[in-house]
């Protein structure tokens, strides 16, 4: 059986492309461009045009599944499980991605742009910075990370398609809830999605580069690492 290494370069390329798109949105928001205002108002009118009490009650519950605090708690639980299974490299990779890209990176970006939240029709009250959306960032990185890894490690095409479809629909719906509830501009959630997607792809690229050196370091520390992500993908 021959083996073929998974190249990190395609992941870096895709990640950089999404980062460029994030930069375009960010530039428009920072300088309050007219096309940003037009884009936001158009989508707000469309999404908030069918508000109902029942729908709002349901959405208020669902939207919390993208809450940064919940994502951090779930990340800690998953990392602990991975460590218990002696998958130290994967635990550090997953936990590090959420910590640095979602929690810290998202907060830094919010402070840089310091954008006020929309005041049109807030169904729930939020007072901190608006851009990029913390929910959108956390949701995209956490669920997108898990979804993309499952896609890359799945063998059958139909499984890849189903996982990809469910992941995109779920992330898209959480992003939709933030606009519906009036706590974010559409460009807030779009920016969070673009930044989050870039973070996921670049994180995978970085892991592919440092996976073996990291596992070698762990062996020096007398930690037998059993991480196996992408190992199946290398065999053909």
C-alpha atoms as a PDB file:
ATOM      1  CA  UNK A   1       0.000   0.000   0.000  1.00  0.00           C
ATOM      2  CA  UNK A   2       1.363   3.390  -0.959  1.00  0.00           C
ATOM      3  CA  UNK A   3       0.726   6.511   1.041  1.00  0.00           C
ATOM      4  CA  UNK A   4       0.275  10.109   0.000  1.00  0.00           C
ATOM      5  CA  UNK A   5       0.606  13.057   2.353  1.00  0.00           C
ATOM      6  CA  UNK A   6      -2.260  15.508   2.522  1.00  0.00           C
ATOM      7  CA  UNK A   7      -0.866  18.813   1.310  1.00  0.00           C
ATOM      8  CA  UNK A   8      -1.501  21.848   3.528  1.00  0.00           C
ATOM      9  CA  UNK A   9      -1.215  24.274   0.593  1.00  0.00           C
ATOM     10  CA  UNK A  10      -4.852  24.000  -0.672  1.00  0.00           C
ATOM     11  CA  UNK A  11      -6.089  24.752   2.841  1.00  0.00           C
ATOM     12  CA  UNK A  12      -3.862  27.814   3.116  1.00  0.00           C
ATOM     13  CA  UNK A  13      -5.015  29.045  -0.308  1.00  0.00           C
ATOM     14  CA  UNK A  14      -8.727  28.663   0.522  1.00  0.00           C
ATOM     15  CA  UNK A  15      -8.189  30.207   3.953  1.00  0.00           C
ATOM     16  CA  UNK A  16      -6.399  33.228   2.483  1.00  0.00           C
ATOM     17  CA  UNK A  17      -9.181  33.716  -0.098  1.00  0.00           C
ATOM     18  CA  UNK A  18     -11.795  33.828   2.667  1.00  0.00           C
ATOM     19  CA  UNK A  19      -9.541  36.155   4.644  1.00  0.00           C
ATOM     20  CA  UNK A  20      -9.370  38.511   1.647  1.00  0.00           C
ATOM     21  CA  UNK A  21     -13.183  38.518   1.415  1.00  0.00           C
ATOM     22  CA  UNK A  22     -13.325  39.265   5.133  1.00  0.00           C
ATOM     23  CA  UNK A  23     -10.924  42.150   4.529  1.00  0.00           C
ATOM     24  CA  UNK A  24     -13.164  43.598   1.805  1.00  0.00           C
ATOM     25  CA  UNK A  25     -16.203  43.562   4.108  1.00  0.00           C
ATOM     26  CA  UNK A  26     -14.130  44.967   6.968  1.00  0.00           C
ATOM     27  CA  UNK A  27     -12.838  47.814   4.795  1.00  0.00           C
ATOM     28  CA  UNK A  28     -16.372  48.750   3.800  1.00  0.00           C
ATOM     29  CA  UNK A  29     -17.604  48.664   7.392  1.00  0.00           C
ATOM     30  CA  UNK A  30     -14.647  50.624   8.760  1.00  0.00           C
ATOM     31  CA  UNK A  31     -15.159  53.434   6.245  1.00  0.00           C
ATOM     32  CA  UNK A  32     -18.969  53.183   6.373  1.00  0.00           C
ATOM     33  CA  UNK A  33     -19.285  52.603   2.626  1.00  0.00           C
ATOM     34  CA  UNK A  34     -22.644  53.162   0.935  1.00  0.00           C
ATOM     35  CA  UNK A  35     -22.704  49.635  -0.502  1.00  0.00           C
ATOM     36  CA  UNK A  36     -22.381  48.236   3.023  1.00  0.00           C
ATOM     37  CA  UNK A  37     -25.371  50.277   4.208  1.00  0.00           C
ATOM     38  CA  UNK A  38     -27.396  49.249   1.163  1.00  0.00           C
ATOM     39  CA  UNK A  39     -26.529  45.575   1.633  1.00  0.00           C
ATOM     40  CA  UNK A  40     -27.433  45.644   5.337  1.00  0.00           C
ATOM     41  CA  UNK A  41     -30.750  47.457   4.909  1.00  0.00           C
ATOM     42  CA  UNK A  42     -31.867  45.174   2.074  1.00  0.00           C
ATOM     43  CA  UNK A  43     -31.282  41.987   4.045  1.00  0.00           C
ATOM     44  CA  UNK A  44     -32.672  43.394   7.302  1.00  0.00           C
ATOM     45  CA  UNK A  45     -35.905  44.357   5.534  1.00  0.00           C
ATOM     46  CA  UNK A  46     -36.194  40.880   4.020  1.00  0.00           C
ATOM     47  CA  UNK A  47     -35.331  38.847   7.144  1.00  0.00           C
ATOM     48  CA  UNK A  48     -37.283  40.947   9.655  1.00  0.00           C
ATOM     49  CA  UNK A  49     -40.263  41.250   7.342  1.00  0.00           C
ATOM     50  CA  UNK A  50     -41.960  38.148   8.768  1.00  0.00           C
ATOM     51  CA  UNK A  51     -41.572  38.402  12.534  1.00  0.00           C
ATOM     52  CA  UNK A  52     -43.998  36.409  14.686  1.00  0.00           C
ATOM     53  CA  UNK A  53     -44.174  35.623  18.398  1.00  0.00           C
ATOM     54  CA  UNK A  54     -43.890  31.861  17.936  1.00  0.00           C
ATOM     55  CA  UNK A  55     -40.956  32.090  15.549  1.00  0.00           C
ATOM     56  CA  UNK A  56     -39.167  34.571  17.819  1.00  0.00           C
ATOM     57  CA  UNK A  57     -39.536  32.319  20.861  1.00  0.00           C
ATOM     58  CA  UNK A  58     -38.052  29.356  18.955  1.00  0.00           C
ATOM     59  CA  UNK A  59     -35.217  31.376  17.444  1.00  0.00           C
ATOM     60  CA  UNK A  60     -34.248  32.857  20.836  1.00  0.00           C
ATOM     61  CA  UNK A  61     -33.571  29.312  22.057  1.00  0.00           C
ATOM     62  CA  UNK A  62     -31.782  28.064  18.940  1.00  0.00           C
ATOM     63  CA  UNK A  63     -29.493  31.076  18.640  1.00  0.00           C
ATOM     64  CA  UNK A  64     -27.872  30.302  22.005  1.00  0.00           C
ATOM     65  CA  UNK A  65     -26.348  27.143  20.514  1.00  0.00           C
ATOM     66  CA  UNK A  66     -23.881  29.504  18.843  1.00  0.00           C
ATOM     67  CA  UNK A  67     -23.108  31.423  22.033  1.00  0.00           C
ATOM     68  CA  UNK A  68     -19.360  31.875  22.587  1.00  0.00           C
ATOM     69  CA  UNK A  69     -19.577  30.765  26.217  1.00  0.00           C
ATOM     70  CA  UNK A  70     -21.362  27.540  25.254  1.00  0.00           C
ATOM     71  CA  UNK A  71     -18.856  26.901  22.465  1.00  0.00           C
ATOM     72  CA  UNK A  72     -15.972  27.317  24.933  1.00  0.00           C
ATOM     73  CA  UNK A  73     -17.597  24.873  27.374  1.00  0.00           C
ATOM     74  CA  UNK A  74     -18.182  22.316  24.601  1.00  0.00           C
ATOM     75  CA  UNK A  75     -14.605  22.799  23.402  1.00  0.00           C
ATOM     76  CA  UNK A  76     -13.233  22.095  26.874  1.00  0.00           C
ATOM     77  CA  UNK A  77     -15.343  18.933  27.116  1.00  0.00           C
ATOM     78  CA  UNK A  78     -14.216  17.681  23.701  1.00  0.00           C
ATOM     79  CA  UNK A  79     -10.573  18.503  24.465  1.00  0.00           C
ATOM     80  CA  UNK A  80     -10.768  16.593  27.764  1.00  0.00           C
ATOM     81  CA  UNK A  81     -12.266  13.580  25.979  1.00  0.00           C
ATOM     82  CA  UNK A  82      -9.478  13.687  23.378  1.00  0.00           C
ATOM     83  CA  UNK A  83      -6.839  13.889  26.116  1.00  0.00           C
ATOM     84  CA  UNK A  84      -8.413  10.931  27.941  1.00  0.00           C
ATOM     85  CA  UNK A  85      -8.167   8.981  24.677  1.00  0.00           C
ATOM     86  CA  UNK A  86      -4.501  10.083  24.503  1.00  0.00           C
ATOM     87  CA  UNK A  87      -5.123  12.113  21.362  1.00  0.00           C
ATOM     88  CA  UNK A  88      -3.073  14.983  22.696  1.00  0.00           C
ATOM     89  CA  UNK A  89      -2.165  16.564  19.352  1.00  0.00           C
ATOM     90  CA  UNK A  90      -5.802  16.661  18.244  1.00  0.00           C
ATOM     91  CA  UNK A  91      -6.909  18.046  21.615  1.00  0.00           C
ATOM     92  CA  UNK A  92      -4.334  20.828  21.493  1.00  0.00           C
ATOM     93  CA  UNK A  93      -5.198  21.581  17.870  1.00  0.00           C
ATOM     94  CA  UNK A  94      -8.945  21.743  18.431  1.00  0.00           C
ATOM     95  CA  UNK A  95      -8.754  23.656  21.707  1.00  0.00           C
ATOM     96  CA  UNK A  96      -6.113  26.025  20.381  1.00  0.00           C
ATOM     97  CA  UNK A  97      -8.155  26.841  17.281  1.00  0.00           C
ATOM     98  CA  UNK A  98     -11.246  27.750  19.286  1.00  0.00           C
ATOM     99  CA  UNK A  99      -9.274  29.680  21.926  1.00  0.00           C
ATOM    100  CA  UNK A 100      -7.052  31.758  19.669  1.00  0.00           C
ATOM    101  CA  UNK A 101      -9.229  32.160  16.575  1.00  0.00           C
ATOM    102  CA  UNK A 102     -12.739  32.339  18.040  1.00  0.00           C
ATOM    103  CA  UNK A 103     -12.455  33.610  21.614  1.00  0.00           C
ATOM    104  CA  UNK A 104      -9.362  35.832  21.457  1.00  0.00           C
ATOM    105  CA  UNK A 105      -9.314  36.703  17.741  1.00  0.00           C
ATOM    106  CA  UNK A 106     -13.023  37.538  17.647  1.00  0.00           C
ATOM    107  CA  UNK A 107     -12.754  39.768  20.714  1.00  0.00           C
ATOM    108  CA  UNK A 108      -9.753  41.644  19.330  1.00  0.00           C
ATOM    109  CA  UNK A 109     -11.574  42.300  16.047  1.00  0.00           C
ATOM    110  CA  UNK A 110     -14.616  43.618  17.898  1.00  0.00           C
ATOM    111  CA  UNK A 111     -12.430  46.091  19.799  1.00  0.00           C
ATOM    112  CA  UNK A 112     -10.693  47.228  16.613  1.00  0.00           C
ATOM    113  CA  UNK A 113     -13.891  48.025  14.699  1.00  0.00           C
ATOM    114  CA  UNK A 114     -16.045  49.016  17.701  1.00  0.00           C
ATOM    115  CA  UNK A 115     -19.193  49.067  15.562  1.00  0.00           C
ATOM    116  CA  UNK A 116     -22.515  49.894  17.212  1.00  0.00           C
ATOM    117  CA  UNK A 117     -25.315  47.382  16.957  1.00  0.00           C
ATOM    118  CA  UNK A 118     -28.368  48.082  14.775  1.00  0.00           C
ATOM    119  CA  UNK A 119     -31.155  50.082  16.410  1.00  0.00           C
ATOM    120  CA  UNK A 120     -33.970  49.246  14.007  1.00  0.00           C
ATOM    121  CA  UNK A 121     -35.806  46.401  15.753  1.00  0.00           C
ATOM    122  CA  UNK A 122     -33.949  44.592  18.526  1.00  0.00           C
ATOM    123  CA  UNK A 123     -35.978  41.646  19.818  1.00  0.00           C
ATOM    124  CA  UNK A 124     -33.352  40.989  22.483  1.00  0.00           C
ATOM    125  CA  UNK A 125     -31.061  43.535  24.106  1.00  0.00           C
ATOM    126  CA  UNK A 126     -27.319  43.476  23.394  1.00  0.00           C
ATOM    127  CA  UNK A 127     -24.925  46.304  24.173  1.00  0.00           C
ATOM    128  CA  UNK A 128     -21.360  45.242  23.280  1.00  0.00           C
ATOM    129  CA  UNK A 129     -19.549  45.651  19.954  1.00  0.00           C
ATOM    130  CA  UNK A 130     -21.280  44.371  16.825  1.00  0.00           C
ATOM    131  CA  UNK A 131     -18.573  43.581  14.231  1.00  0.00           C
ATOM    132  CA  UNK A 132     -17.857  40.795  13.577  1.00  0.00           C
ATOM    133  CA  UNK A 133     -20.664  38.790  15.162  1.00  0.00           C
ATOM    134  CA  UNK A 134     -19.367  36.669  18.043  1.00  0.00           C
ATOM    135  CA  UNK A 135     -22.097  34.097  17.459  1.00  0.00           C
ATOM    136  CA  UNK A 136     -21.245  33.885  13.761  1.00  0.00           C
ATOM    137  CA  UNK A 137     -17.536  33.564  14.485  1.00  0.00           C
ATOM    138  CA  UNK A 138     -17.946  30.945  17.225  1.00  0.00           C
ATOM    139  CA  UNK A 139     -20.546  28.967  15.273  1.00  0.00           C
ATOM    140  CA  UNK A 140     -18.529  28.913  12.058  1.00  0.00           C
ATOM    141  CA  UNK A 141     -15.254  27.926  13.718  1.00  0.00           C
ATOM    142  CA  UNK A 142     -16.679  25.347  16.132  1.00  0.00           C
ATOM    143  CA  UNK A 143     -19.262  23.590  13.957  1.00  0.00           C
ATOM    144  CA  UNK A 144     -17.382  24.324  10.734  1.00  0.00           C
ATOM    145  CA  UNK A 145     -14.190  22.843  12.172  1.00  0.00           C
ATOM    146  CA  UNK A 146     -15.940  19.631  13.208  1.00  0.00           C
ATOM    147  CA  UNK A 147     -17.861  19.421   9.921  1.00  0.00           C
ATOM    148  CA  UNK A 148     -14.798  19.940   7.703  1.00  0.00           C
ATOM    149  CA  UNK A 149     -12.713  17.383   9.604  1.00  0.00           C
ATOM    150  CA  UNK A 150     -15.543  14.847   9.268  1.00  0.00           C
ATOM    151  CA  UNK A 151     -15.774  15.593   5.544  1.00  0.00           C
ATOM    152  CA  UNK A 152     -12.033  15.149   5.051  1.00  0.00           C
ATOM    153  CA  UNK A 153     -11.897  11.878   6.980  1.00  0.00           C
ATOM    154  CA  UNK A 154     -15.065  10.342   5.498  1.00  0.00           C
ATOM    155  CA  UNK A 155     -14.530   7.795   2.725  1.00  0.00           C
ATOM    156  CA  UNK A 156     -17.846   7.689   0.869  1.00  0.00           C
ATOM    157  CA  UNK A 157     -18.795  10.714  -1.240  1.00  0.00           C
ATOM    158  CA  UNK A 158     -22.416  10.598  -0.074  1.00  0.00           C
ATOM    159  CA  UNK A 159     -21.282  10.960   3.535  1.00  0.00           C
ATOM    160  CA  UNK A 160     -19.161  13.972   2.630  1.00  0.00           C
ATOM    161  CA  UNK A 161     -22.127  15.588   0.864  1.00  0.00           C
ATOM    162  CA  UNK A 162     -24.539  14.974   3.742  1.00  0.00           C
ATOM    163  CA  UNK A 163     -22.085  16.236   6.361  1.00  0.00           C
ATOM    164  CA  UNK A 164     -21.305  19.310   4.274  1.00  0.00           C
ATOM    165  CA  UNK A 165     -24.985  20.059   3.679  1.00  0.00           C
ATOM    166  CA  UNK A 166     -25.923  19.735   7.358  1.00  0.00           C
ATOM    167  CA  UNK A 167     -22.941  21.841   8.461  1.00  0.00           C
ATOM    168  CA  UNK A 168     -23.682  24.684   6.035  1.00  0.00           C
ATOM    169  CA  UNK A 169     -27.421  24.716   6.812  1.00  0.00           C
ATOM    170  CA  UNK A 170     -26.811  24.715  10.558  1.00  0.00           C
ATOM    171  CA  UNK A 171     -24.240  27.516  10.460  1.00  0.00           C
ATOM    172  CA  UNK A 172     -26.395  29.504   8.041  1.00  0.00           C
ATOM    173  CA  UNK A 173     -29.434  29.206  10.315  1.00  0.00           C
ATOM    174  CA  UNK A 174     -27.558  30.423  13.390  1.00  0.00           C
ATOM    175  CA  UNK A 175     -26.331  33.406  11.349  1.00  0.00           C
ATOM    176  CA  UNK A 176     -29.910  34.059  10.205  1.00  0.00           C
ATOM    177  CA  UNK A 177     -31.129  34.158  13.833  1.00  0.00           C
ATOM    178  CA  UNK A 178     -28.764  37.005  14.715  1.00  0.00           C
ATOM    179  CA  UNK A 179     -30.175  39.214  11.964  1.00  0.00           C
ATOM    180  CA  UNK A 180     -33.773  38.174  12.714  1.00  0.00           C
ATOM    181  CA  UNK A 181     -33.365  39.131  16.383  1.00  0.00           C
ATOM    182  CA  UNK A 182     -32.028  42.533  15.331  1.00  0.00           C
ATOM    183  CA  UNK A 183     -28.760  42.281  17.254  1.00  0.00           C
ATOM    184  CA  UNK A 184     -26.466  42.256  14.209  1.00  0.00           C
ATOM    185  CA  UNK A 185     -26.171  43.779  10.776  1.00  0.00           C
ATOM    186  CA  UNK A 186     -25.988  41.208   7.947  1.00  0.00           C
ATOM    187  CA  UNK A 187     -22.386  42.281   7.305  1.00  0.00           C
ATOM    188  CA  UNK A 188     -21.599  41.450  10.961  1.00  0.00           C
ATOM    189  CA  UNK A 189     -22.606  37.821  10.529  1.00  0.00           C
ATOM    190  CA  UNK A 190     -21.161  37.604   7.005  1.00  0.00           C
ATOM    191  CA  UNK A 191     -17.814  38.863   8.324  1.00  0.00           C
ATOM    192  CA  UNK A 192     -17.947  36.389  11.207  1.00  0.00           C
ATOM    193  CA  UNK A 193     -18.595  33.568   8.736  1.00  0.00           C
ATOM    194  CA  UNK A 194     -15.771  34.619   6.389  1.00  0.00           C
ATOM    195  CA  UNK A 195     -13.286  35.071   9.220  1.00  0.00           C
ATOM    196  CA  UNK A 196     -14.357  31.809  10.858  1.00  0.00           C
ATOM    197  CA  UNK A 197     -14.077  29.836   7.620  1.00  0.00           C
ATOM    198  CA  UNK A 198     -10.635  31.293   6.964  1.00  0.00           C
ATOM    199  CA  UNK A 199      -9.576  30.328  10.489  1.00  0.00           C
ATOM    200  CA  UNK A 200     -10.761  26.733  10.036  1.00  0.00           C
ATOM    201  CA  UNK A 201      -8.960  26.177   6.732  1.00  0.00           C
ATOM    202  CA  UNK A 202      -5.742  27.867   7.877  1.00  0.00           C
ATOM    203  CA  UNK A 203      -5.858  25.902  11.141  1.00  0.00           C
ATOM    204  CA  UNK A 204      -6.028  22.631   9.229  1.00  0.00           C
ATOM    205  CA  UNK A 205      -3.125  23.741   7.036  1.00  0.00           C
ATOM    206  CA  UNK A 206      -1.050  24.603  10.105  1.00  0.00           C
ATOM    207  CA  UNK A 207      -1.874  21.266  11.743  1.00  0.00           C
ATOM    208  CA  UNK A 208      -0.779  19.356   8.651  1.00  0.00           C
ATOM    209  CA  UNK A 209       2.563  21.178   8.840  1.00  0.00           C
ATOM    210  CA  UNK A 210       3.209  20.720  12.559  1.00  0.00           C
ATOM    211  CA  UNK A 211       1.429  17.407  13.201  1.00  0.00           C
ATOM    212  CA  UNK A 212       4.522  15.195  13.061  1.00  0.00           C
ATOM    213  CA  UNK A 213       6.884  17.606  14.900  1.00  0.00           C
ATOM    214  CA  UNK A 214       4.207  18.051  17.581  1.00  0.00           C
ATOM    215  CA  UNK A 215       3.784  14.297  18.029  1.00  0.00           C
ATOM    216  CA  UNK A 216       7.573  13.933  18.173  1.00  0.00           C
ATOM    217  CA  UNK A 217       7.695  16.568  20.929  1.00  0.00           C
ATOM    218  CA  UNK A 218       4.966  14.761  22.845  1.00  0.00           C
ATOM    219  CA  UNK A 219       6.966  11.519  22.668  1.00  0.00           C
ATOM    220  CA  UNK A 220       9.934  13.349  24.171  1.00  0.00           C
ATOM    221  CA  UNK A 221       7.641  14.307  27.036  1.00  0.00           C
ATOM    222  CA  UNK A 222       6.738  10.612  27.454  1.00  0.00           C
ATOM    223  CA  UNK A 223       3.226  11.208  26.133  1.00  0.00           C
ATOM    224  CA  UNK A 224       2.184   8.495  23.710  1.00  0.00           C
ATOM    225  CA  UNK A 225      -0.028  10.309  21.218  1.00  0.00           C
ATOM    226  CA  UNK A 226      -2.764   8.345  19.436  1.00  0.00           C
ATOM    227  CA  UNK A 227      -4.061  11.132  17.196  1.00  0.00           C
ATOM    228  CA  UNK A 228      -5.148   9.694  13.850  1.00  0.00           C
ATOM    229  CA  UNK A 229      -6.892  12.499  11.985  1.00  0.00           C
ATOM    230  CA  UNK A 230      -6.001  12.445   8.263  1.00  0.00           C
ATOM    231  CA  UNK A 231      -4.107   9.151   8.585  1.00  0.00           C
ATOM    232  CA  UNK A 232      -6.862   7.319   6.741  1.00  0.00           C
ATOM    233  CA  UNK A 233      -6.965  10.052   4.147  1.00  0.00           C
ATOM    234  CA  UNK A 234      -3.303   9.399   3.360  1.00  0.00           C
ATOM    235  CA  UNK A 235      -3.860   5.792   2.343  1.00  0.00           C
ATOM    236  CA  UNK A 236      -4.908   4.735  -1.144  1.00  0.00           C
END
